[in-house]
C-alpha atoms as a PDB file:
ATOM      1  CA  MET A   1      49.847  44.870  78.083  1.00  0.00           C
ATOM      2  CA  ILE A   2      47.101  45.458  80.648  1.00  0.00           C
ATOM      3  CA  LEU A   3      45.349  42.277  79.487  1.00  0.00           C
ATOM      4  CA  ILE A   4      48.572  40.270  79.771  1.00  0.00           C
ATOM      5  CA  PHE A   5      49.263  41.631  83.258  1.00  0.00           C
ATOM      6  CA  ALA A   6      45.684  40.830  84.333  1.00  0.00           C
ATOM      7  CA  ALA A   7      45.987  37.298  82.929  1.00  0.00           C
ATOM      8  CA  ALA A   8      49.281  36.755  84.775  1.00  0.00           C
ATOM      9  CA  LEU A   9      47.819  38.158  87.979  1.00  0.00           C
ATOM     10  CA  CYS A  10      44.818  35.801  87.759  1.00  0.00           C
ATOM     11  CA  SER A  11      47.189  32.860  87.263  1.00  0.00           C
ATOM     12  CA  VAL A  12      49.173  33.706  90.396  1.00  0.00           C
ATOM     13  CA  LEU A  13      46.021  34.495  92.393  1.00  0.00           C
ATOM     14  CA  VAL A  14      44.792  30.940  91.700  1.00  0.00           C
ATOM     15  CA  SER A  15      47.907  29.641  93.471  1.00  0.00           C
ATOM     16  CA  VAL A  16      47.638  32.175  96.306  1.00  0.00           C
ATOM     17  CA  LEU A  17      43.955  31.371  96.901  1.00  0.00           C
ATOM     18  CA  LEU A  18      44.539  27.620  96.779  1.00  0.00           C
ATOM     19  CA  LYS A  19      47.463  27.841  99.204  1.00  0.00           C
ATOM     20  CA  ASN A  20      45.728  30.148 101.696  1.00  0.00           C
ATOM     21  CA  LEU A  21      42.384  28.343 101.759  1.00  0.00           C
ATOM     22  CA  LYS A  22      43.994  24.946 102.245  1.00  0.00           C
ATOM     23  CA  LYS A  23      45.738  26.326 105.336  1.00  0.00           C
ATOM     24  CA  LYS A  24      42.334  27.454 106.653  1.00  0.00           C
ATOM     25  CA  GLY A  25      40.837  23.978 106.414  1.00  0.00           C
ATOM     26  CA  TYR A  26      39.131  24.148 103.031  1.00  0.00           C
ATOM     27  CA  GLN A  27      39.117  20.889 101.054  1.00  0.00           C
ATOM     28  CA  PRO A  28      41.213  21.227  97.844  1.00  0.00           C
ATOM     29  CA  MET A  29      39.397  18.492  95.886  1.00  0.00           C
ATOM     30  CA  GLN A  30      35.991  20.019  96.586  1.00  0.00           C
ATOM     31  CA  MET A  31      37.227  23.464  95.562  1.00  0.00           C
ATOM     32  CA  ILE A  32      38.797  22.017  92.428  1.00  0.00           C
ATOM     33  CA  ALA A  33      35.557  20.255  91.474  1.00  0.00           C
ATOM     34  CA  TRP A  34      33.408  23.386  91.798  1.00  0.00           C
ATOM     35  CA  ASN A  35      36.059  25.447  90.085  1.00  0.00           C
ATOM     36  CA  TYR A  36      35.185  23.593  86.878  1.00  0.00           C
ATOM     37  CA  ALA A  37      31.496  24.373  87.333  1.00  0.00           C
ATOM     38  CA  SER A  38      32.023  28.135  87.130  1.00  0.00           C
ATOM     39  CA  ALA A  39      34.803  27.760  84.535  1.00  0.00           C
ATOM     40  CA  SER A  40      32.521  25.780  82.200  1.00  0.00           C
ATOM     41  CA  LEU A  41      29.665  28.287  82.568  1.00  0.00           C
ATOM     42  CA  LEU A  42      31.987  31.237  81.950  1.00  0.00           C
ATOM     43  CA  CYS A  43      33.559  29.451  78.977  1.00  0.00           C
ATOM     44  CA  TYR A  44      30.122  29.009  77.403  1.00  0.00           C
ATOM     45  CA  TRP A  45      29.144  32.616  78.125  1.00  0.00           C
ATOM     46  CA  TRP A  46      32.423  34.169  76.950  1.00  0.00           C
ATOM     47  CA  PHE A  47      33.362  32.096  73.888  1.00  0.00           C
ATOM     48  CA  LYS A  48      29.845  30.972  72.882  1.00  0.00           C
ATOM     49  CA  PRO A  49      30.951  27.577  71.495  1.00  0.00           C
ATOM     50  CA  ASP A  50      28.510  25.752  69.226  1.00  0.00           C
ATOM     51  CA  ILE A  51      27.644  22.939  71.643  1.00  0.00           C
ATOM     52  CA  GLN A  52      24.268  22.269  69.998  1.00  0.00           C
ATOM     53  CA  HIS A  53      25.897  20.974  66.803  1.00  0.00           C
ATOM     54  CA  ILE A  54      28.464  18.625  68.305  1.00  0.00           C
ATOM     55  CA  SER A  55      29.274  15.682  66.057  1.00  0.00           C
ATOM     56  CA  ILE A  56      28.908  12.671  68.349  1.00  0.00           C
ATOM     57  CA  GLN A  57      30.760  10.367  65.956  1.00  0.00           C
ATOM     58  CA  ASN A  58      33.625  12.705  65.023  1.00  0.00           C
ATOM     59  CA  THR A  59      34.395  14.034  68.507  1.00  0.00           C
ATOM     60  CA  PRO A  60      37.342  12.166  70.104  1.00  0.00           C
ATOM     61  CA  TRP A  61      35.596  11.502  73.407  1.00  0.00           C
ATOM     62  CA  TRP A  62      38.553   9.519  74.724  1.00  0.00           C
ATOM     63  CA  LEU A  63      40.631  12.704  74.571  1.00  0.00           C
ATOM     64  CA  ILE A  64      37.943  14.753  76.290  1.00  0.00           C
ATOM     65  CA  PHE A  65      37.636  12.056  78.964  1.00  0.00           C
ATOM     66  CA  ALA A  66      41.420  11.815  79.416  1.00  0.00           C
ATOM     67  CA  LEU A  67      41.765  15.579  79.846  1.00  0.00           C
ATOM     68  CA  GLY A  68      38.745  15.540  82.148  1.00  0.00           C
ATOM     69  CA  ILE A  69      40.747  13.250  84.440  1.00  0.00           C
ATOM     70  CA  ILE A  70      44.147  14.907  83.987  1.00  0.00           C
ATOM     71  CA  LEU A  71      43.073  18.512  84.650  1.00  0.00           C
ATOM     72  CA  PRO A  72      41.655  17.968  88.173  1.00  0.00           C
ATOM     73  CA  SER A  73      44.565  15.619  88.958  1.00  0.00           C
ATOM     74  CA  ILE A  74      47.083  18.287  87.987  1.00  0.00           C
ATOM     75  CA  PHE A  75      45.211  20.810  90.106  1.00  0.00           C
ATOM     76  CA  VAL A  76      45.647  18.479  93.084  1.00  0.00           C
ATOM     77  CA  CYS A  77      49.370  18.204  92.280  1.00  0.00           C
ATOM     78  CA  LEU A  78      49.494  22.009  92.098  1.00  0.00           C
ATOM     79  CA  ALA A  79      47.979  22.242  95.590  1.00  0.00           C
ATOM     80  CA  LYS A  80      50.538  19.722  96.912  1.00  0.00           C
ATOM     81  CA  SER A  81      53.410  21.568  95.228  1.00  0.00           C
ATOM     82  CA  LEU A  82      52.302  24.876  96.742  1.00  0.00           C
ATOM     83  CA  GLU A  83      52.213  23.207 100.161  1.00  0.00           C
ATOM     84  CA  TYR A  84      55.549  21.377 100.005  1.00  0.00           C
ATOM     85  CA  ALA A  85      57.687  23.410  97.571  1.00  0.00           C
ATOM     86  CA  GLY A  86      56.222  26.919  97.767  1.00  0.00           C
ATOM     87  CA  ILE A  87      54.704  29.293  95.248  1.00  0.00           C
ATOM     88  CA  VAL A  88      57.981  30.477  93.664  1.00  0.00           C
ATOM     89  CA  LYS A  89      59.198  27.063  92.529  1.00  0.00           C
ATOM     90  CA  THR A  90      55.684  25.900  91.633  1.00  0.00           C
ATOM     91  CA  GLU A  91      55.020  28.834  89.300  1.00  0.00           C
ATOM     92  CA  ILE A  92      58.410  28.398  87.599  1.00  0.00           C
ATOM     93  CA  ALA A  93      57.865  24.652  87.103  1.00  0.00           C
ATOM     94  CA  GLN A  94      54.386  25.303  85.713  1.00  0.00           C
ATOM     95  CA  ARG A  95      55.591  27.925  83.237  1.00  0.00           C
ATOM     96  CA  LEU A  96      58.580  25.876  82.091  1.00  0.00           C
ATOM     97  CA  SER A  97      56.340  22.928  81.229  1.00  0.00           C
ATOM     98  CA  VAL A  98      56.328  24.545  77.787  1.00  0.00           C
ATOM     99  CA  VAL A  99      59.778  23.061  77.089  1.00  0.00           C
ATOM    100  CA  LEU A 100      58.382  19.527  77.395  1.00  0.00           C
ATOM    101  CA  SER A 101      55.447  20.292  75.112  1.00  0.00           C
ATOM    102  CA  LEU A 102      57.904  21.702  72.560  1.00  0.00           C
ATOM    103  CA  LEU A 103      59.972  18.519  72.732  1.00  0.00           C
ATOM    104  CA  ALA A 104      56.795  16.549  72.110  1.00  0.00           C
ATOM    105  CA  ALA A 105      56.088  18.795  69.118  1.00  0.00           C
ATOM    106  CA  TYR A 106      59.471  17.805  67.711  1.00  0.00           C
ATOM    107  CA  PHE A 107      59.106  14.047  68.236  1.00  0.00           C
ATOM    108  CA  PHE A 108      55.376  13.581  67.599  1.00  0.00           C
ATOM    109  CA  PHE A 109      54.316  16.494  65.389  1.00  0.00           C
ATOM    110  CA  HIS A 110      57.617  16.758  63.443  1.00  0.00           C
ATOM    111  CA  GLU A 111      58.046  20.453  64.159  1.00  0.00           C
ATOM    112  CA  LYS A 112      61.349  21.907  62.936  1.00  0.00           C
ATOM    113  CA  PHE A 113      63.695  23.329  65.540  1.00  0.00           C
ATOM    114  CA  SER A 114      66.101  26.224  65.200  1.00  0.00           C
ATOM    115  CA  SER A 115      69.283  26.484  67.264  1.00  0.00           C
ATOM    116  CA  LEU A 116      67.659  29.275  69.282  1.00  0.00           C
ATOM    117  CA  LYS A 117      64.676  27.085  70.163  1.00  0.00           C
ATOM    118  CA  LEU A 118      67.012  24.260  71.187  1.00  0.00           C
ATOM    119  CA  LEU A 119      68.896  26.707  73.401  1.00  0.00           C
ATOM    120  CA  GLY A 120      65.641  27.846  75.012  1.00  0.00           C
ATOM    121  CA  ILE A 121      64.570  24.254  75.689  1.00  0.00           C
ATOM    122  CA  GLY A 122      67.982  23.393  77.111  1.00  0.00           C
ATOM    123  CA  LEU A 123      67.975  26.405  79.420  1.00  0.00           C
ATOM    124  CA  GLY A 124      64.431  25.605  80.550  1.00  0.00           C
ATOM    125  CA  ILE A 125      65.204  21.976  81.392  1.00  0.00           C
ATOM    126  CA  PHE A 126      68.396  22.925  83.231  1.00  0.00           C
ATOM    127  CA  ALA A 127      66.473  25.610  85.144  1.00  0.00           C
ATOM    128  CA  VAL A 128      63.839  23.131  86.328  1.00  0.00           C
ATOM    129  CA  PHE A 129      66.415  20.640  87.550  1.00  0.00           C
ATOM    130  CA  LEU A 130      68.309  23.387  89.358  1.00  0.00           C
ATOM    131  CA  ILE A 131      65.136  24.528  91.103  1.00  0.00           C
ATOM    132  CA  VAL A 132      63.838  21.053  91.877  1.00  0.00           C
ATOM    133  CA  PHE A 133      66.998  19.375  93.112  1.00  0.00           C
ATOM    134  CA  GLY A 134      68.986  22.324  94.424  1.00  0.00           C
ATOM    135  CA  GLN A 135      66.443  23.947  96.716  1.00  0.00           C
ATOM    136  CA  PHE A 136      65.872  21.426  99.432  1.00  0.00           C
ATOM    137  CA  LYS A 137      69.031  21.396 101.541  1.00  0.00           C
ATOM    138  CA  GLY A 138      68.177  21.586 105.196  1.00  0.00           C
ATOM    139  CA  SER A 139      64.690  20.042 104.915  1.00  0.00           C
ATOM    140  CA  SER A 140      63.936  16.445 105.857  1.00  0.00           C
ATOM    141  CA  ASP A 141      64.355  13.698 103.275  1.00  0.00           C
ATOM    142  CA  HIS A 142      60.635  12.944 103.450  1.00  0.00           C
ATOM    143  CA  GLN A 143      59.716  16.594 102.902  1.00  0.00           C
ATOM    144  CA  SER A 144      62.230  16.869 100.068  1.00  0.00           C
ATOM    145  CA  LYS A 145      60.844  13.817  98.288  1.00  0.00           C
ATOM    146  CA  LYS A 146      57.297  15.165  98.536  1.00  0.00           C
ATOM    147  CA  ALA A 147      58.388  18.537  97.163  1.00  0.00           C
ATOM    148  CA  VAL A 148      60.359  16.990  94.293  1.00  0.00           C
ATOM    149  CA  PHE A 149      57.502  14.655  93.360  1.00  0.00           C
ATOM    150  CA  ALA A 150      54.935  17.478  93.476  1.00  0.00           C
ATOM    151  CA  LEU A 151      57.081  19.824  91.362  1.00  0.00           C
ATOM    152  CA  MET A 152      57.829  17.154  88.757  1.00  0.00           C
ATOM    153  CA  SER A 153      54.118  16.277  88.641  1.00  0.00           C
ATOM    154  CA  VAL A 154      53.284  19.915  87.911  1.00  0.00           C
ATOM    155  CA  TRP A 155      56.017  20.138  85.267  1.00  0.00           C
ATOM    156  CA  PHE A 156      55.021  16.946  83.435  1.00  0.00           C
ATOM    157  CA  GLY A 157      51.303  17.364  84.055  1.00  0.00           C
ATOM    158  CA  TYR A 158      50.884  20.816  82.533  1.00  0.00           C
ATOM    159  CA  ALA A 159      53.030  19.702  79.588  1.00  0.00           C
ATOM    160  CA  ALA A 160      50.741  16.686  79.070  1.00  0.00           C
ATOM    161  CA  VAL A 161      47.676  18.952  79.045  1.00  0.00           C
ATOM    162  CA  ASP A 162      49.313  21.263  76.493  1.00  0.00           C
ATOM    163  CA  ILE A 163      50.314  18.324  74.269  1.00  0.00           C
ATOM    164  CA  LEU A 164      46.829  16.800  74.324  1.00  0.00           C
ATOM    165  CA  LEU A 165      45.196  20.175  73.606  1.00  0.00           C
ATOM    166  CA  LYS A 166      47.515  20.632  70.616  1.00  0.00           C
ATOM    167  CA  TYR A 167      46.604  17.164  69.429  1.00  0.00           C
ATOM    168  CA  THR A 168      42.878  17.913  69.632  1.00  0.00           C
ATOM    169  CA  SER A 169      43.494  21.092  67.607  1.00  0.00           C
ATOM    170  CA  SER A 170      45.361  19.065  64.975  1.00  0.00           C
ATOM    171  CA  LEU A 171      42.201  16.953  64.576  1.00  0.00           C
ATOM    172  CA  GLY A 172      40.332  20.081  63.473  1.00  0.00           C
ATOM    173  CA  LEU A 173      38.290  20.565  66.635  1.00  0.00           C
ATOM    174  CA  GLN A 174      37.242  24.048  67.674  1.00  0.00           C
ATOM    175  CA  PHE A 175      39.411  25.067  70.641  1.00  0.00           C
ATOM    176  CA  THR A 176      36.670  26.812  72.638  1.00  0.00           C
ATOM    177  CA  LEU A 177      34.212  23.943  72.153  1.00  0.00           C
ATOM    178  CA  THR A 178      36.835  21.408  73.205  1.00  0.00           C
ATOM    179  CA  LEU A 179      37.739  23.512  76.241  1.00  0.00           C
ATOM    180  CA  ASN A 180      34.094  23.766  77.298  1.00  0.00           C
ATOM    181  CA  LEU A 181      33.589  20.008  76.987  1.00  0.00           C
ATOM    182  CA  ILE A 182      36.759  19.360  78.995  1.00  0.00           C
ATOM    183  CA  PHE A 183      35.630  21.694  81.792  1.00  0.00           C
ATOM    184  CA  ILE A 184      32.198  20.029  81.956  1.00  0.00           C
ATOM    185  CA  THR A 185      33.789  16.557  81.971  1.00  0.00           C
ATOM    186  CA  SER A 186      36.261  17.607  84.678  1.00  0.00           C
ATOM    187  CA  PHE A 187      33.408  18.838  86.872  1.00  0.00           C
ATOM    188  CA  VAL A 188      31.295  15.697  86.417  1.00  0.00           C
ATOM    189  CA  LEU A 189      34.206  13.297  87.001  1.00  0.00           C
ATOM    190  CA  SER A 190      35.395  15.251  90.045  1.00  0.00           C
ATOM    191  CA  ILE A 191      31.933  15.123  91.615  1.00  0.00           C
ATOM    192  CA  ILE A 192      31.702  11.378  90.882  1.00  0.00           C
ATOM    193  CA  TYR A 193      35.111  10.896  92.511  1.00  0.00           C
ATOM    194  CA  LEU A 194      34.031  12.802  95.636  1.00  0.00           C
ATOM    195  CA  PHE A 195      30.850  10.724  95.894  1.00  0.00           C
ATOM    196  CA  SER A 196      32.863   7.515  95.477  1.00  0.00           C
ATOM    197  CA  GLN A 197      35.072   8.606  98.384  1.00  0.00           C
ATOM    198  CA  LYS A 198      31.915   9.304 100.413  1.00  0.00           C
ATOM    199  CA  LYS A 199      32.896  12.951 100.784  1.00  0.00           C
ATOM    200  CA  SER A 200      30.464  15.853 100.900  1.00  0.00           C
ATOM    201  CA  VAL A 201      30.143  17.869  97.714  1.00  0.00           C
ATOM    202  CA  LEU A 202      27.676  20.413  99.133  1.00  0.00           C
ATOM    203  CA  ASN A 203      29.821  22.182 101.705  1.00  0.00           C
ATOM    204  CA  PHE A 204      28.921  25.845 101.211  1.00  0.00           C
ATOM    205  CA  LYS A 205      32.329  27.360 101.953  1.00  0.00           C
ATOM    206  CA  ASN A 206      34.096  24.909  99.620  1.00  0.00           C
ATOM    207  CA  ILE A 207      31.551  25.516  96.856  1.00  0.00           C
ATOM    208  CA  LEU A 208      31.940  29.293  97.149  1.00  0.00           C
ATOM    209  CA  ALA A 209      35.735  29.058  97.214  1.00  0.00           C
ATOM    210  CA  GLY A 210      35.698  26.688  94.242  1.00  0.00           C
ATOM    211  CA  LEU A 211      33.449  28.955  92.189  1.00  0.00           C
ATOM    212  CA  LEU A 212      35.789  31.889  92.890  1.00  0.00           C
ATOM    213  CA  LEU A 213      38.760  29.717  91.938  1.00  0.00           C
ATOM    214  CA  GLY A 214      37.008  28.915  88.659  1.00  0.00           C
ATOM    215  CA  VAL A 215      36.463  32.607  87.903  1.00  0.00           C
ATOM    216  CA  LEU A 216      40.184  33.291  88.328  1.00  0.00           C
ATOM    217  CA  ASN A 217      41.163  30.142  86.452  1.00  0.00           C
ATOM    218  CA  PHE A 218      38.967  30.967  83.474  1.00  0.00           C
ATOM    219  CA  SER A 219      39.861  34.685  83.530  1.00  0.00           C
ATOM    220  CA  ASN A 220      43.513  33.711  83.133  1.00  0.00           C
ATOM    221  CA  ILE A 221      42.668  31.709  79.986  1.00  0.00           C
ATOM    222  CA  ALA A 222      40.192  34.205  78.523  1.00  0.00           C
ATOM    223  CA  LEU A 223      42.445  37.237  79.001  1.00  0.00           C
ATOM    224  CA  TYR A 224      45.447  35.381  77.559  1.00  0.00           C
ATOM    225  CA  VAL A 225      43.440  34.343  74.476  1.00  0.00           C
ATOM    226  CA  LYS A 226      42.099  37.911  74.118  1.00  0.00           C
ATOM    227  CA  ALA A 227      45.653  39.289  74.279  1.00  0.00           C
ATOM    228  CA  HIS A 228      46.712  36.906  71.512  1.00  0.00           C
ATOM    229  CA  ILE A 229      43.772  38.066  69.375  1.00  0.00           C
ATOM    230  CA  LEU A 230      44.511  41.773  69.894  1.00  0.00           C
ATOM    231  CA  LEU A 231      48.255  41.255  69.373  1.00  0.00           C
ATOM    232  CA  LYS A 232      47.965  38.627  66.658  1.00  0.00           C
ATOM    233  CA  ASP A 233      51.006  40.027  64.871  1.00  0.00           C
ATOM    234  CA  SER A 234      53.129  39.805  68.028  1.00  0.00           C
ATOM    235  CA  PRO A 235      52.628  36.338  69.553  1.00  0.00           C
ATOM    236  CA  ALA A 236      56.179  36.379  70.932  1.00  0.00           C
ATOM    237  CA  ILE A 237      55.433  39.444  73.054  1.00  0.00           C
ATOM    238  CA  VAL A 238      52.289  37.843  74.490  1.00  0.00           C
ATOM    239  CA  PHE A 239      54.033  34.520  75.186  1.00  0.00           C
ATOM    240  CA  ALA A 240      57.138  36.015  76.790  1.00  0.00           C
ATOM    241  CA  SER A 241      55.290  38.715  78.749  1.00  0.00           C
ATOM    242  CA  MET A 242      52.740  36.295  80.158  1.00  0.00           C
ATOM    243  CA  ASN A 243      55.219  33.655  81.305  1.00  0.00           C
ATOM    244  CA  ILE A 244      57.832  36.059  82.657  1.00  0.00           C
ATOM    245  CA  LEU A 245      55.195  38.118  84.514  1.00  0.00           C
ATOM    246  CA  VAL A 246      53.790  34.976  86.167  1.00  0.00           C
ATOM    247  CA  VAL A 247      57.286  33.984  87.319  1.00  0.00           C
ATOM    248  CA  LEU A 248      58.044  37.474  88.653  1.00  0.00           C
ATOM    249  CA  LEU A 249      54.658  37.839  90.382  1.00  0.00           C
ATOM    250  CA  GLY A 250      55.121  34.372  91.861  1.00  0.00           C
ATOM    251  CA  ILE A 251      58.496  35.436  93.274  1.00  0.00           C
ATOM    252  CA  VAL A 252      57.010  38.630  94.757  1.00  0.00           C
ATOM    253  CA  CYS A 253      54.145  36.695  96.398  1.00  0.00           C
ATOM    254  CA  GLY A 254      56.435  33.952  97.645  1.00  0.00           C
ATOM    255  CA  VAL A 255      58.961  36.315  99.200  1.00  0.00           C
ATOM    256  CA  ILE A 256      56.557  38.917 100.608  1.00  0.00           C
ATOM    257  CA  LEU A 257      53.493  36.856 101.574  1.00  0.00           C
ATOM    258  CA  TYR A 258      55.071  33.541 102.545  1.00  0.00           C
ATOM    259  CA  LYS A 259      58.640  34.543 103.449  1.00  0.00           C
ATOM    260  CA  GLU A 260      60.091  31.985 101.034  1.00  0.00           C
ATOM    261  CA  LYS A 261      63.870  32.135 100.809  1.00  0.00           C
ATOM    262  CA  LEU A 262      65.449  32.428  97.382  1.00  0.00           C
ATOM    263  CA  LYS A 263      68.487  30.205  97.644  1.00  0.00           C
ATOM    264  CA  LEU A 264      71.217  30.338  95.025  1.00  0.00           C
ATOM    265  CA  PRO A 265      69.934  27.361  92.948  1.00  0.00           C
ATOM    266  CA  THR A 266      66.456  28.931  92.791  1.00  0.00           C
ATOM    267  CA  MET A 267      67.854  32.306  91.756  1.00  0.00           C
ATOM    268  CA  LEU A 268      70.046  30.730  89.061  1.00  0.00           C
ATOM    269  CA  GLY A 269      67.156  28.556  87.909  1.00  0.00           C
ATOM    270  CA  THR A 270      64.882  31.599  87.681  1.00  0.00           C
ATOM    271  CA  ILE A 271      67.401  33.517  85.579  1.00  0.00           C
ATOM    272  CA  LEU A 272      67.987  30.541  83.289  1.00  0.00           C
ATOM    273  CA  GLY A 273      64.258  29.879  83.048  1.00  0.00           C
ATOM    274  CA  ILE A 274      63.450  33.452  82.045  1.00  0.00           C
ATOM    275  CA  SER A 275      66.340  33.384  79.556  1.00  0.00           C
ATOM    276  CA  GLY A 276      64.947  30.177  78.087  1.00  0.00           C
ATOM    277  CA  LEU A 277      61.460  31.688  77.763  1.00  0.00           C
ATOM    278  CA  VAL A 278      62.930  34.741  75.997  1.00  0.00           C
ATOM    279  CA  CYS A 279      64.796  32.450  73.556  1.00  0.00           C
ATOM    280  CA  LEU A 280      61.597  30.534  72.831  1.00  0.00           C
ATOM    281  CA  ALA A 281      59.652  33.763  72.355  1.00  0.00           C
ATOM    282  CA  LEU A 282      62.210  34.994  69.821  1.00  0.00           C
ATOM    283  CA  THR A 283      61.578  31.908  67.682  1.00  0.00           C
ATOM    284  CA  MET A 284      57.850  32.673  67.383  1.00  0.00           C
ATOM    285  CA  LYS A 285      56.570  34.298  64.190  1.00  0.00           C
END
């Protein structure tokens, strides 16, 4: 459980760091770019993927390239969501993206659904819509639209990443090798994008912040994978504990650090979301 808690904490710290540094004038896109530099190096060091024997012909480079574009883009959406909607709603939307990836598994991968899994998906979708559309009374229409768009981007974006990663696994690719290639591609494409926008990529404070962001980002993944390996007979416990802890830690940070108000729709959405995650966990073997 210590590994799961540490993984959840790293996940929330990514959001906290991104939100705080943006307020202090750091450039999110530069941080995001350099985040993938340290993440790719740590991925190679930790998982030791067999990069030297990559099959050029059999590797679906279009998938690697697509994820190399999507991952930094979603990170930008995450930064916008943290700014406009707050950390509580952002973390819940991110965690409940699993319901969309499960729906994709049903339609595209022909996965069988039990009534309990359907209930979990239904609760998750209802929770997201409660949180997204019920939270913004009192704010300006323009602010509300930005918050809704950012939250929906996070919800759909993280689901898209999960779906594409599952698809690459179904092609027989090694997960750690694929992940390393995606991180490297994300870094290269992000740097190219910054150069194309004539923006500096060698700002020391942004590089340092980005490298730290990458350490937290990768630690979240590595610790979560390690927890699954150690508790291979209890995937439901790992899944439920990780997602529920991230939601709860997000609420604590949002309320204590940023004085975010938990309005009734958010509270109901949180309860329904956690209930949905528990239902989904119970369907795991």
